[in-house]
Each structure stands twice: as C-alpha cells, then as structure tokens.
Amino acid sequence: MNYLITGTSGFIWFHLTLKLLSLGHLVVWIDNENNYYSQELKYNRRKRLEEFSNFKFLKIDISNNTEILNLVVNLNIKFDYIIHLAAQAWVRYSLENPQIYINTNIIGFFNILELARQLWIKKIIYASSSSVYWNTEINTKSSEINSNTNNPISLYAMTKKSNELLASTYEHLYNITCIWLRFFTVYWPRWRPDMAYFKFLNSIYTNEPVEIYNNGISIRDFTYIDDIISWIESCIKYNWNIRIFNLGNSKPIEVNEFIQILESITKKKLIKNYIWNQAGDVNSTFADTNLAKNELWRETKHNLADWLDTFINRYIEYYNLNSKN
C-alpha cells in the first residue's frame, strides 16, 4: 500500500513508519521539522528511515495549503491512506503560543482533509487526544460513548475536538472515511524533552528542582509506544464500523507514585517544587478501552515499571553518566 504520513518526526509516527517500511509499503513523510524540541532528534529519526528505498520525505508546513497540494500532486502517487499526526503538542505550551496551535492543529488539519478530498483519498487515520475529555473525577474512566467532550479546558484540547468535528463533517459531505484515536500519555524508552517522565529523571540526575503540578495527586494513564503501534496497525486493517477509539493502558497511577518508582530504581531523590495545577491541565486521564479491545482485538501488554528500568538505563548511557560516577 501507499501511505501519506504527516508529523513524522514525532516519535509515535517514526515507529509506525519504520514498521510499515520494513513490511515493504511505500511511505511518504510530511513534516516541517520545527524547533519545538531538538531538531537533531528529528533529523536522526529521518536519517534512519532514509535507509529504505520505499521512503520519501517532503519538508512541508501543513498550514500552507498551496505548498502541500502542489508537492503531493507532483509525486503522482495514488495513496491508499493518510495517517495524520502533525500537530503542535502539549497543553501548557498552548498558553504561551496559542497562534501556532490554530495554524497547525486546525488550519493544518483542514488542509489535510482538503488534500484528501481533491486527491480522492478515502481513508484517514488521525490522532486526537485524551485532553478532549472534560476534567473527570479521579478513578473515573473516560468513555468514547458516555463521557463529555463538549467543554475542552485548554486550547490544545479545543483544537483536537475541532479536528474531530471537521473530520465528521468531511466524512458526511465527501464520503471520506475517518477514524480518530484518542491517545493517553504515550511513552517510550527514549524521550521527548517536554514529557514529564523525562523532566523528572533529568532533574534527579542534575539535582535541580522540578515543578510538580497539582501537588502530584493527578493521575495519568501511561501507554507504551508498542501497544499504540499495534492498535494503529489494527486500525489499518479494520472495517471502519466504529470511528473513534481510546488508546490507553487503563491502569493509571498518581504522579507522586510514578516519582516514587523513579526514585526507587535510581536510588536518588527528586527535588520537588509542589505547585497548584496549571491552567488547562486535567486532573485525571483514565481510558475506557472496551471499544478498542472488542473491535481491534488488542490489549496493552507492557508494564510501566519494566519500561522505566529500560528508560533509565538508556538515559544513563546517552549522557554517559556511568563514567561520571
């Protein structure tokens, strides 16, 4: 098959693309490789994929409708799927730079839908977020069917909810089949510098204080990258009766407990600066994954503590910390 994948410098889509390429599929990557976090990380991911002859890269800002349409049309490829992840991530950064969220997450997604319409690409899988759920009570699962998503409490969440509404409209008007995936706190043994688990570990080893929001009592549903990729593969093969899935571990833990596990493994203490919750943050993410289990025939398989051990070892190796002790 031929896949057009956006936002590919991100770690989720890097892993998915690597899997698709290894299976012999043609993958065209679209990304602007912005400087939101280390461009070296993004460049190294792309160089790994450029080893495959069935890989093509287009450096495009998806908010530029003319550029994206012209470059993709010139490829003269009939795409079977668009898999769309390109977005500006992170709730807290949306408080500092709201314009980029409108440009990338809303205008950019509209341009992707228009691209699909004009090129007769009839299937789109794209990333939504657990952030669309209202600020649910601790230990209350968020359900695709029963939970409220009509009152997003952050600009980031609003853009993701807007994506879902746009997709639903295009599906109705133009017969473009869309399936959206609400990710719950995806992690992997390497890192993205803005993710809490990296900040906590980095602060442990640098002996610098780190801010802990909501006094550490928030709970998060950490979901391993390999489980996410397996679910996406199932979505590609799926018969599309259901349009929306929560993809989460459904075993959330409190942030304070997460920190205690890190401290136990490293045998070091994190210097904590407890503060009130940041505007836009939800108190709890807890995925009801019954739809994904029943329709996609997949369940999570990875243990958080085992992953943390691997993550810490890779961090120590990357920063050459053994030689410094």
C-alpha atoms as a PDB file:
ATOM      1  CA  MET A   1       0.000   0.000   0.000  1.00  0.00           C
ATOM      2  CA  ASN A   2       0.919   3.677  -0.337  1.00  0.00           C
ATOM      3  CA  TYR A   3       0.808   5.799   2.826  1.00  0.00           C
ATOM      4  CA  LEU A   4       0.987   9.562   3.259  1.00  0.00           C
ATOM      5  CA  ILE A   5       2.024  10.196   6.865  1.00  0.00           C
ATOM      6  CA  THR A   6       2.240  13.634   8.466  1.00  0.00           C
ATOM      7  CA  GLY A   7       4.070  14.767  11.565  1.00  0.00           C
ATOM      8  CA  THR A   8       6.558  12.024  11.089  1.00  0.00           C
ATOM      9  CA  SER A   9       9.450  13.463  13.074  1.00  0.00           C
ATOM     10  CA  GLY A  10       7.394  12.743  16.178  1.00  0.00           C
ATOM     11  CA  PHE A  11       8.301   9.558  17.990  1.00  0.00           C
ATOM     12  CA  ILE A  12       4.961   7.736  17.521  1.00  0.00           C
ATOM     13  CA  TRP A  13       4.903   8.087  13.763  1.00  0.00           C
ATOM     14  CA  PHE A  14       8.617   7.335  13.492  1.00  0.00           C
ATOM     15  CA  HIS A  15       7.973   3.886  14.976  1.00  0.00           C
ATOM     16  CA  LEU A  16       4.906   3.317  12.816  1.00  0.00           C
ATOM     17  CA  THR A  17       6.763   4.342   9.657  1.00  0.00           C
ATOM     18  CA  LEU A  18       9.675   2.065  10.495  1.00  0.00           C
ATOM     19  CA  LYS A  19       7.240  -0.836  10.794  1.00  0.00           C
ATOM     20  CA  LEU A  20       5.428  -0.041   7.514  1.00  0.00           C
ATOM     21  CA  LEU A  21       8.686   0.370   5.594  1.00  0.00           C
ATOM     22  CA  SER A  22      10.002  -2.950   6.897  1.00  0.00           C
ATOM     23  CA  LEU A  23       6.835  -4.583   5.524  1.00  0.00           C
ATOM     24  CA  GLY A  24       7.527  -3.152   2.057  1.00  0.00           C
ATOM     25  CA  HIS A  25       4.899  -0.384   1.932  1.00  0.00           C
ATOM     26  CA  LEU A  26       5.632   2.966   0.274  1.00  0.00           C
ATOM     27  CA  VAL A  27       5.648   5.787   2.820  1.00  0.00           C
ATOM     28  CA  VAL A  28       5.760   9.497   2.012  1.00  0.00           C
ATOM     29  CA  TRP A  29       6.602  11.599   5.058  1.00  0.00           C
ATOM     30  CA  ILE A  30       5.441  15.181   5.549  1.00  0.00           C
ATOM     31  CA  ASP A  31       6.946  17.283   8.326  1.00  0.00           C
ATOM     32  CA  ASN A  32       8.254  20.816   8.810  1.00  0.00           C
ATOM     33  CA  GLU A  33      10.835  19.658  11.394  1.00  0.00           C
ATOM     34  CA  ASN A  34      10.252  22.744  13.526  1.00  0.00           C
ATOM     35  CA  ASN A  35      12.330  23.695  16.548  1.00  0.00           C
ATOM     36  CA  TYR A  36       9.721  22.985  19.228  1.00  0.00           C
ATOM     37  CA  TYR A  37      12.217  20.457  20.585  1.00  0.00           C
ATOM     38  CA  SER A  38      15.590  19.152  19.439  1.00  0.00           C
ATOM     39  CA  GLN A  39      15.846  19.214  15.656  1.00  0.00           C
ATOM     40  CA  GLU A  40      18.789  16.837  15.976  1.00  0.00           C
ATOM     41  CA  LEU A  41      16.455  14.178  17.384  1.00  0.00           C
ATOM     42  CA  LYS A  42      14.102  14.663  14.443  1.00  0.00           C
ATOM     43  CA  TYR A  43      16.917  14.656  11.895  1.00  0.00           C
ATOM     44  CA  ASN A  44      18.369  11.433  13.311  1.00  0.00           C
ATOM     45  CA  ARG A  45      14.968   9.721  13.053  1.00  0.00           C
ATOM     46  CA  ARG A  46      14.612  10.765   9.424  1.00  0.00           C
ATOM     47  CA  LYS A  47      18.137   9.621   8.528  1.00  0.00           C
ATOM     48  CA  ARG A  48      17.302   6.193   9.914  1.00  0.00           C
ATOM     49  CA  LEU A  49      14.266   5.939   7.633  1.00  0.00           C
ATOM     50  CA  GLU A  50      16.090   7.251   4.568  1.00  0.00           C
ATOM     51  CA  GLU A  51      17.960   3.953   4.526  1.00  0.00           C
ATOM     52  CA  PHE A  52      14.789   2.483   2.954  1.00  0.00           C
ATOM     53  CA  SER A  53      14.281   2.897  -0.800  1.00  0.00           C
ATOM     54  CA  ASN A  54      10.482   2.926  -0.293  1.00  0.00           C
ATOM     55  CA  PHE A  55      10.663   6.089   1.803  1.00  0.00           C
ATOM     56  CA  LYS A  56      10.201   9.667   0.567  1.00  0.00           C
ATOM     57  CA  PHE A  57      10.414  12.855   2.632  1.00  0.00           C
ATOM     58  CA  LEU A  58       8.732  16.208   1.934  1.00  0.00           C
ATOM     59  CA  LYS A  59       9.588  19.136   4.192  1.00  0.00           C
ATOM     60  CA  ILE A  60       6.248  20.958   4.252  1.00  0.00           C
ATOM     61  CA  ASP A  61       4.369  23.111   6.726  1.00  0.00           C
ATOM     62  CA  ILE A  62       0.831  21.693   6.621  1.00  0.00           C
ATOM     63  CA  SER A  63      -0.631  25.140   7.342  1.00  0.00           C
ATOM     64  CA  ASN A  64       0.480  26.141   3.813  1.00  0.00           C
ATOM     65  CA  ASN A  65      -2.337  24.778   1.644  1.00  0.00           C
ATOM     66  CA  THR A  66      -0.829  25.655  -1.743  1.00  0.00           C
ATOM     67  CA  GLU A  67       2.553  24.153  -0.957  1.00  0.00           C
ATOM     68  CA  ILE A  68       1.216  20.900   0.410  1.00  0.00           C
ATOM     69  CA  LEU A  69      -1.178  20.343  -2.503  1.00  0.00           C
ATOM     70  CA  ASN A  70       1.392  21.164  -5.208  1.00  0.00           C
ATOM     71  CA  LEU A  71       4.163  18.999  -3.790  1.00  0.00           C
ATOM     72  CA  VAL A  72       1.965  15.973  -3.143  1.00  0.00           C
ATOM     73  CA  VAL A  73       0.246  16.199  -6.544  1.00  0.00           C
ATOM     74  CA  ASN A  74       3.640  16.319  -8.269  1.00  0.00           C
ATOM     75  CA  LEU A  75       4.512  12.939  -6.747  1.00  0.00           C
ATOM     76  CA  ASN A  76       1.837  11.351  -8.967  1.00  0.00           C
ATOM     77  CA  ILE A  77       1.148   8.647  -6.365  1.00  0.00           C
ATOM     78  CA  LYS A  78      -2.255   7.148  -5.621  1.00  0.00           C
ATOM     79  CA  PHE A  79      -2.389   6.976  -1.833  1.00  0.00           C
ATOM     80  CA  ASP A  80      -4.414   4.352  -0.004  1.00  0.00           C
ATOM     81  CA  TYR A  81      -4.292   6.082   3.390  1.00  0.00           C
ATOM     82  CA  ILE A  82      -3.453   9.335   5.054  1.00  0.00           C
ATOM     83  CA  ILE A  83      -2.195   8.839   8.607  1.00  0.00           C
ATOM     84  CA  HIS A  84      -2.161  12.238  10.247  1.00  0.00           C
ATOM     85  CA  LEU A  85      -0.284  13.131  13.421  1.00  0.00           C
ATOM     86  CA  ALA A  86       1.191  16.524  12.548  1.00  0.00           C
ATOM     87  CA  ALA A  87       0.164  18.820  15.379  1.00  0.00           C
ATOM     88  CA  GLN A  88       1.548  21.183  17.936  1.00  0.00           C
ATOM     89  CA  ALA A  89       1.590  19.182  21.144  1.00  0.00           C
ATOM     90  CA  TRP A  90       1.464  19.914  24.879  1.00  0.00           C
ATOM     91  CA  VAL A  91      -1.269  21.650  26.823  1.00  0.00           C
ATOM     92  CA  ARG A  92       0.971  24.088  28.705  1.00  0.00           C
ATOM     93  CA  TYR A  93       2.760  25.431  25.629  1.00  0.00           C
ATOM     94  CA  SER A  94      -0.629  26.442  24.205  1.00  0.00           C
ATOM     95  CA  LEU A  95      -0.825  29.056  26.968  1.00  0.00           C
ATOM     96  CA  GLU A  96       2.388  30.643  25.706  1.00  0.00           C
ATOM     97  CA  ASN A  97       1.961  30.390  21.939  1.00  0.00           C
ATOM     98  CA  PRO A  98      -1.703  29.903  21.003  1.00  0.00           C
ATOM     99  CA  GLN A  99      -1.319  31.011  17.384  1.00  0.00           C
ATOM    100  CA  ILE A 100       0.769  28.010  16.384  1.00  0.00           C
ATOM    101  CA  TYR A 101      -1.994  25.701  17.664  1.00  0.00           C
ATOM    102  CA  ILE A 102      -4.569  27.385  15.444  1.00  0.00           C
ATOM    103  CA  ASN A 103      -2.241  27.357  12.424  1.00  0.00           C
ATOM    104  CA  THR A 104      -1.023  23.766  12.760  1.00  0.00           C
ATOM    105  CA  ASN A 105      -3.800  21.892  14.511  1.00  0.00           C
ATOM    106  CA  ILE A 106      -6.865  23.485  12.913  1.00  0.00           C
ATOM    107  CA  ILE A 107      -5.808  25.095   9.621  1.00  0.00           C
ATOM    108  CA  GLY A 108      -3.279  22.326   9.028  1.00  0.00           C
ATOM    109  CA  PHE A 109      -5.847  19.593   9.595  1.00  0.00           C
ATOM    110  CA  PHE A 110      -8.344  21.363   7.330  1.00  0.00           C
ATOM    111  CA  ASN A 111      -5.662  21.379   4.611  1.00  0.00           C
ATOM    112  CA  ILE A 112      -5.121  17.625   5.054  1.00  0.00           C
ATOM    113  CA  LEU A 113      -8.853  16.990   4.672  1.00  0.00           C
ATOM    114  CA  GLU A 114      -8.903  19.168   1.555  1.00  0.00           C
ATOM    115  CA  LEU A 115      -5.928  17.254   0.188  1.00  0.00           C
ATOM    116  CA  ALA A 116      -7.822  14.001   0.724  1.00  0.00           C
ATOM    117  CA  ARG A 117     -10.918  15.415  -0.975  1.00  0.00           C
ATOM    118  CA  GLN A 118      -9.065  16.724  -4.020  1.00  0.00           C
ATOM    119  CA  LEU A 119      -6.929  13.596  -4.475  1.00  0.00           C
ATOM    120  CA  TRP A 120      -9.772  11.161  -3.778  1.00  0.00           C
ATOM    121  CA  ILE A 121      -8.022   9.634  -0.785  1.00  0.00           C
ATOM    122  CA  LYS A 122     -10.887   7.953   1.019  1.00  0.00           C
ATOM    123  CA  LYS A 123      -9.340   6.766   4.289  1.00  0.00           C
ATOM    124  CA  ILE A 124      -7.765   8.873   7.056  1.00  0.00           C
ATOM    125  CA  ILE A 125      -6.488   7.776  10.454  1.00  0.00           C
ATOM    126  CA  TYR A 126      -5.551  10.667  12.701  1.00  0.00           C
ATOM    127  CA  ALA A 127      -4.522  11.478  16.248  1.00  0.00           C
ATOM    128  CA  SER A 128      -6.856  13.110  18.680  1.00  0.00           C
ATOM    129  CA  SER A 129      -6.065  13.253  22.407  1.00  0.00           C
ATOM    130  CA  SER A 130      -7.306  12.261  25.844  1.00  0.00           C
ATOM    131  CA  SER A 131      -7.254  16.018  26.527  1.00  0.00           C
ATOM    132  CA  VAL A 132     -10.641  16.369  24.830  1.00  0.00           C
ATOM    133  CA  TYR A 133     -12.321  14.829  27.855  1.00  0.00           C
ATOM    134  CA  TRP A 134     -13.756  17.095  30.488  1.00  0.00           C
ATOM    135  CA  ASN A 135     -11.914  17.277  33.800  1.00  0.00           C
ATOM    136  CA  THR A 136     -13.179  13.929  35.057  1.00  0.00           C
ATOM    137  CA  GLU A 137     -13.060  12.782  38.650  1.00  0.00           C
ATOM    138  CA  ILE A 138     -10.154  10.655  39.839  1.00  0.00           C
ATOM    139  CA  ASN A 139     -10.697   6.934  39.104  1.00  0.00           C
ATOM    140  CA  THR A 140     -13.497   7.675  36.617  1.00  0.00           C
ATOM    141  CA  LYS A 141     -12.894   6.149  33.183  1.00  0.00           C
ATOM    142  CA  SER A 142     -13.310   8.305  30.065  1.00  0.00           C
ATOM    143  CA  SER A 143     -15.596   6.603  27.564  1.00  0.00           C
ATOM    144  CA  GLU A 144     -15.913   7.378  23.849  1.00  0.00           C
ATOM    145  CA  ILE A 145     -19.669   6.887  24.198  1.00  0.00           C
ATOM    146  CA  ASN A 146     -20.651   8.359  27.552  1.00  0.00           C
ATOM    147  CA  SER A 147     -18.060  10.978  28.518  1.00  0.00           C
ATOM    148  CA  ASN A 148     -18.323  14.716  27.911  1.00  0.00           C
ATOM    149  CA  THR A 149     -16.019  16.206  25.254  1.00  0.00           C
ATOM    150  CA  ASN A 150     -18.004  19.378  24.583  1.00  0.00           C
ATOM    151  CA  ASN A 151     -16.211  21.589  27.106  1.00  0.00           C
ATOM    152  CA  PRO A 152     -12.450  21.378  26.473  1.00  0.00           C
ATOM    153  CA  ILE A 153     -10.492  23.221  29.160  1.00  0.00           C
ATOM    154  CA  SER A 154      -7.355  24.005  27.121  1.00  0.00           C
ATOM    155  CA  LEU A 155      -6.669  25.493  23.714  1.00  0.00           C
ATOM    156  CA  TYR A 156      -4.846  22.315  22.747  1.00  0.00           C
ATOM    157  CA  ALA A 157      -7.873  20.202  23.657  1.00  0.00           C
ATOM    158  CA  MET A 158     -10.146  22.573  21.744  1.00  0.00           C
ATOM    159  CA  THR A 159      -8.073  22.132  18.588  1.00  0.00           C
ATOM    160  CA  LYS A 160      -8.282  18.338  18.895  1.00  0.00           C
ATOM    161  CA  LYS A 161     -12.049  18.440  19.443  1.00  0.00           C
ATOM    162  CA  SER A 162     -12.324  20.750  16.418  1.00  0.00           C
ATOM    163  CA  ASN A 163     -10.428  18.151  14.384  1.00  0.00           C
ATOM    164  CA  GLU A 164     -12.975  15.515  15.320  1.00  0.00           C
ATOM    165  CA  LEU A 165     -15.843  17.776  14.235  1.00  0.00           C
ATOM    166  CA  LEU A 166     -14.117  18.688  10.966  1.00  0.00           C
ATOM    167  CA  ALA A 167     -13.475  15.030  10.196  1.00  0.00           C
ATOM    168  CA  SER A 168     -17.078  14.112  10.898  1.00  0.00           C
ATOM    169  CA  THR A 169     -18.281  16.857   8.553  1.00  0.00           C
ATOM    170  CA  TYR A 170     -15.942  15.826   5.709  1.00  0.00           C
ATOM    171  CA  GLU A 171     -16.949  12.218   6.148  1.00  0.00           C
ATOM    172  CA  HIS A 172     -20.593  13.181   5.750  1.00  0.00           C
ATOM    173  CA  LEU A 173     -20.109  15.579   2.819  1.00  0.00           C
ATOM    174  CA  TYR A 174     -17.413  13.818   0.799  1.00  0.00           C
ATOM    175  CA  ASN A 175     -17.531  10.164   1.858  1.00  0.00           C
ATOM    176  CA  ILE A 176     -14.038  10.295   3.350  1.00  0.00           C
ATOM    177  CA  THR A 177     -13.783   7.585   5.985  1.00  0.00           C
ATOM    178  CA  CYS A 178     -12.090   8.978   9.089  1.00  0.00           C
ATOM    179  CA  ILE A 179     -11.073   7.171  12.237  1.00  0.00           C
ATOM    180  CA  TRP A 180      -9.697   9.128  15.143  1.00  0.00           C
ATOM    181  CA  LEU A 181      -7.580   7.876  18.006  1.00  0.00           C
ATOM    182  CA  ARG A 182      -7.515   9.455  21.444  1.00  0.00           C
ATOM    183  CA  PHE A 183      -4.026   8.778  22.801  1.00  0.00           C
ATOM    184  CA  PHE A 184      -3.439   8.582  26.555  1.00  0.00           C
ATOM    185  CA  THR A 185       0.072   9.712  27.670  1.00  0.00           C
ATOM    186  CA  VAL A 186       2.238   7.739  25.255  1.00  0.00           C
ATOM    187  CA  TYR A 187       5.758   6.879  26.441  1.00  0.00           C
ATOM    188  CA  TRP A 188       8.794   5.007  25.131  1.00  0.00           C
ATOM    189  CA  PRO A 189      12.347   4.132  26.270  1.00  0.00           C
ATOM    190  CA  ARG A 190      13.822   7.246  24.714  1.00  0.00           C
ATOM    191  CA  TRP A 191      12.214  10.642  25.288  1.00  0.00           C
ATOM    192  CA  ARG A 192      10.740  13.930  24.176  1.00  0.00           C
ATOM    193  CA  PRO A 193      12.202  16.750  26.283  1.00  0.00           C
ATOM    194  CA  ASP A 194       8.834  18.263  27.261  1.00  0.00           C
ATOM    195  CA  MET A 195       7.432  14.992  28.647  1.00  0.00           C
ATOM    196  CA  ALA A 196       7.078  14.778  32.429  1.00  0.00           C
ATOM    197  CA  TYR A 197       8.876  11.433  32.770  1.00  0.00           C
ATOM    198  CA  PHE A 198      11.988  12.896  31.102  1.00  0.00           C
ATOM    199  CA  LYS A 199      11.857  16.085  33.173  1.00  0.00           C
ATOM    200  CA  PHE A 200      11.618  14.090  36.399  1.00  0.00           C
ATOM    201  CA  LEU A 201      14.534  11.796  35.577  1.00  0.00           C
ATOM    202  CA  ASN A 202      16.649  14.614  34.221  1.00  0.00           C
ATOM    203  CA  SER A 203      16.095  16.615  37.407  1.00  0.00           C
ATOM    204  CA  ILE A 204      17.054  13.605  39.533  1.00  0.00           C
ATOM    205  CA  TYR A 205      20.436  13.381  37.824  1.00  0.00           C
ATOM    206  CA  THR A 206      21.088  17.128  37.588  1.00  0.00           C
ATOM    207  CA  ASN A 207      19.985  17.752  41.207  1.00  0.00           C
ATOM    208  CA  GLU A 208      17.762  20.576  40.048  1.00  0.00           C
ATOM    209  CA  PRO A 209      14.237  21.145  41.413  1.00  0.00           C
ATOM    210  CA  VAL A 210      11.290  20.366  39.161  1.00  0.00           C
ATOM    211  CA  GLU A 211       7.751  21.710  39.379  1.00  0.00           C
ATOM    212  CA  ILE A 212       5.128  19.107  40.294  1.00  0.00           C
ATOM    213  CA  TYR A 213       1.675  20.312  39.274  1.00  0.00           C
ATOM    214  CA  ASN A 214      -1.444  19.739  41.343  1.00  0.00           C
ATOM    215  CA  ASN A 215       0.761  18.661  44.264  1.00  0.00           C
ATOM    216  CA  GLY A 216       1.424  15.386  42.448  1.00  0.00           C
ATOM    217  CA  ILE A 217      -2.035  13.946  43.042  1.00  0.00           C
ATOM    218  CA  SER A 218      -3.077  13.955  39.376  1.00  0.00           C
ATOM    219  CA  ILE A 219      -3.281  10.526  37.782  1.00  0.00           C
ATOM    220  CA  ARG A 220      -2.053   9.634  34.313  1.00  0.00           C
ATOM    221  CA  ASP A 221      -2.773   6.622  32.129  1.00  0.00           C
ATOM    222  CA  PHE A 222       0.702   5.859  30.727  1.00  0.00           C
ATOM    223  CA  THR A 223       0.568   3.855  27.470  1.00  0.00           C
ATOM    224  CA  TYR A 224       3.572   2.165  25.879  1.00  0.00           C
ATOM    225  CA  ILE A 225       4.526   3.005  22.283  1.00  0.00           C
ATOM    226  CA  ASP A 226       4.478  -0.622  21.056  1.00  0.00           C
ATOM    227  CA  ASP A 227       0.877  -1.011  22.231  1.00  0.00           C
ATOM    228  CA  ILE A 228      -0.065   2.173  20.342  1.00  0.00           C
ATOM    229  CA  ILE A 229       1.608   0.936  17.144  1.00  0.00           C
ATOM    230  CA  SER A 230      -0.168  -2.430  17.405  1.00  0.00           C
ATOM    231  CA  TRP A 231      -3.509  -0.654  17.727  1.00  0.00           C
ATOM    232  CA  ILE A 232      -2.789   1.569  14.724  1.00  0.00           C
ATOM    233  CA  GLU A 233      -1.898  -1.488  12.656  1.00  0.00           C
ATOM    234  CA  SER A 234      -5.248  -2.979  13.643  1.00  0.00           C
ATOM    235  CA  CYS A 235      -6.988   0.240  12.606  1.00  0.00           C
ATOM    236  CA  ILE A 236      -5.412  -0.019   9.151  1.00  0.00           C
ATOM    237  CA  LYS A 237      -6.962  -3.473   8.745  1.00  0.00           C
ATOM    238  CA  TYR A 238     -10.199  -2.501  10.497  1.00  0.00           C
ATOM    239  CA  ASN A 239     -13.578  -2.486   8.729  1.00  0.00           C
ATOM    240  CA  TRP A 240     -14.391   1.024   9.962  1.00  0.00           C
ATOM    241  CA  ASN A 241     -17.733   0.439  11.698  1.00  0.00           C
ATOM    242  CA  ILE A 242     -16.516   2.382  14.719  1.00  0.00           C
ATOM    243  CA  ARG A 243     -14.936   5.784  14.091  1.00  0.00           C
ATOM    244  CA  ILE A 244     -13.306   6.637  17.433  1.00  0.00           C
ATOM    245  CA  PHE A 245     -11.123   4.752  19.896  1.00  0.00           C
ATOM    246  CA  ASN A 246      -9.446   5.444  23.201  1.00  0.00           C
ATOM    247  CA  LEU A 247      -5.908   4.053  23.108  1.00  0.00           C
ATOM    248  CA  GLY A 248      -4.695   3.807  26.687  1.00  0.00           C
ATOM    249  CA  ASN A 249      -3.351   1.420  29.264  1.00  0.00           C
ATOM    250  CA  SER A 250      -6.428   1.714  31.508  1.00  0.00           C
ATOM    251  CA  LYS A 251      -4.133   1.365  34.554  1.00  0.00           C
ATOM    252  CA  PRO A 252      -3.428   4.949  35.645  1.00  0.00           C
ATOM    253  CA  ILE A 253      -1.152   5.852  38.531  1.00  0.00           C
ATOM    254  CA  GLU A 254      -0.732   9.006  40.602  1.00  0.00           C
ATOM    255  CA  VAL A 255       2.159  11.271  39.606  1.00  0.00           C
ATOM    256  CA  ASN A 256       3.581  11.009  43.142  1.00  0.00           C
ATOM    257  CA  GLU A 257       3.627   7.213  42.810  1.00  0.00           C
ATOM    258  CA  PHE A 258       5.343   7.492  39.429  1.00  0.00           C
ATOM    259  CA  ILE A 259       8.049   9.655  41.022  1.00  0.00           C
ATOM    260  CA  GLN A 260       8.475   7.142  43.857  1.00  0.00           C
ATOM    261  CA  ILE A 261       9.125   4.376  41.308  1.00  0.00           C
ATOM    262  CA  LEU A 262      11.790   6.536  39.627  1.00  0.00           C
ATOM    263  CA  GLU A 263      13.421   7.274  42.964  1.00  0.00           C
ATOM    264  CA  SER A 264      13.362   3.601  43.942  1.00  0.00           C
ATOM    265  CA  ILE A 265      15.053   2.464  40.718  1.00  0.00           C
ATOM    266  CA  THR A 266      17.673   5.244  40.677  1.00  0.00           C
ATOM    267  CA  LYS A 267      18.163   5.283  44.452  1.00  0.00           C
ATOM    268  CA  LYS A 268      18.149   9.060  44.188  1.00  0.00           C
ATOM    269  CA  LYS A 269      15.727  11.717  45.392  1.00  0.00           C
ATOM    270  CA  LEU A 270      13.921  14.208  43.183  1.00  0.00           C
ATOM    271  CA  ILE A 271      13.921  17.800  44.462  1.00  0.00           C
ATOM    272  CA  LYS A 272      10.231  18.647  44.251  1.00  0.00           C
ATOM    273  CA  ASN A 273       8.597  22.039  43.986  1.00  0.00           C
ATOM    274  CA  TYR A 274       4.896  21.350  44.504  1.00  0.00           C
ATOM    275  CA  ILE A 275       2.576  23.911  42.912  1.00  0.00           C
ATOM    276  CA  TRP A 276      -1.096  24.228  42.057  1.00  0.00           C
ATOM    277  CA  ASN A 277      -2.446  22.777  38.861  1.00  0.00           C
ATOM    278  CA  GLN A 278      -1.571  24.556  35.619  1.00  0.00           C
ATOM    279  CA  ALA A 279      -4.462  26.160  33.750  1.00  0.00           C
ATOM    280  CA  GLY A 280      -5.788  23.715  31.152  1.00  0.00           C
ATOM    281  CA  ASP A 281      -4.466  20.559  32.816  1.00  0.00           C
ATOM    282  CA  VAL A 282      -6.937  17.801  33.621  1.00  0.00           C
ATOM    283  CA  ASN A 283      -6.783  16.078  36.990  1.00  0.00           C
ATOM    284  CA  SER A 284      -7.127  12.573  35.604  1.00  0.00           C
ATOM    285  CA  THR A 285      -6.616  10.579  32.413  1.00  0.00           C
ATOM    286  CA  PHE A 286      -8.077   7.093  32.577  1.00  0.00           C
ATOM    287  CA  ALA A 287      -9.019   5.312  29.351  1.00  0.00           C
ATOM    288  CA  ASP A 288     -12.040   3.108  28.955  1.00  0.00           C
ATOM    289  CA  THR A 289     -10.602   0.802  26.264  1.00  0.00           C
ATOM    290  CA  ASN A 290     -13.500  -1.618  25.819  1.00  0.00           C
ATOM    291  CA  LEU A 291     -14.155  -0.476  22.245  1.00  0.00           C
ATOM    292  CA  ALA A 292     -10.514  -0.944  21.254  1.00  0.00           C
ATOM    293  CA  LYS A 293     -10.377  -4.373  22.898  1.00  0.00           C
ATOM    294  CA  ASN A 294     -13.623  -5.577  21.346  1.00  0.00           C
ATOM    295  CA  GLU A 295     -13.243  -4.082  17.865  1.00  0.00           C
ATOM    296  CA  LEU A 296      -9.473  -4.066  17.304  1.00  0.00           C
ATOM    297  CA  TRP A 297      -8.743  -7.253  19.250  1.00  0.00           C
ATOM    298  CA  ARG A 298      -5.796  -5.721  21.068  1.00  0.00           C
ATOM    299  CA  GLU A 299      -4.915  -5.193  24.707  1.00  0.00           C
ATOM    300  CA  THR A 300      -1.925  -3.500  26.336  1.00  0.00           C
ATOM    301  CA  LYS A 301       0.959  -5.815  27.164  1.00  0.00           C
ATOM    302  CA  HIS A 302       3.647  -3.648  28.727  1.00  0.00           C
ATOM    303  CA  ASN A 303       4.446  -2.996  32.372  1.00  0.00           C
ATOM    304  CA  LEU A 304       5.309   0.559  33.436  1.00  0.00           C
ATOM    305  CA  ALA A 305       7.989  -0.400  35.974  1.00  0.00           C
ATOM    306  CA  ASP A 306       9.806  -2.619  33.438  1.00  0.00           C
ATOM    307  CA  TRP A 307       9.776   0.183  30.905  1.00  0.00           C
ATOM    308  CA  LEU A 308      11.127   2.710  33.414  1.00  0.00           C
ATOM    309  CA  ASP A 309      14.106   0.478  34.077  1.00  0.00           C
ATOM    310  CA  THR A 310      14.924   0.419  30.356  1.00  0.00           C
ATOM    311  CA  PHE A 311      14.320   4.158  30.025  1.00  0.00           C
ATOM    312  CA  ILE A 312      16.671   4.982  32.909  1.00  0.00           C
ATOM    313  CA  ASN A 313      19.424   2.744  31.525  1.00  0.00           C
ATOM    314  CA  ARG A 314      19.182   4.418  28.111  1.00  0.00           C
ATOM    315  CA  TYR A 315      19.265   7.860  29.725  1.00  0.00           C
ATOM    316  CA  ILE A 316      22.420   6.928  31.663  1.00  0.00           C
ATOM    317  CA  GLU A 317      24.034   5.538  28.508  1.00  0.00           C
ATOM    318  CA  TYR A 318      23.080   8.558  26.367  1.00  0.00           C
ATOM    319  CA  TYR A 319      24.525  11.075  28.828  1.00  0.00           C
ATOM    320  CA  ASN A 320      27.497   8.824  29.663  1.00  0.00           C
ATOM    321  CA  LEU A 321      26.684   9.040  33.364  1.00  0.00           C
ATOM    322  CA  ASN A 322      28.411   5.810  34.386  1.00  0.00           C
ATOM    323  CA  SER A 323      31.823   7.309  33.598  1.00  0.00           C
ATOM    324  CA  LYS A 324      30.975  10.362  35.691  1.00  0.00           C
ATOM    325  CA  ASN A 325      30.088   8.472  38.874  1.00  0.00           C
END
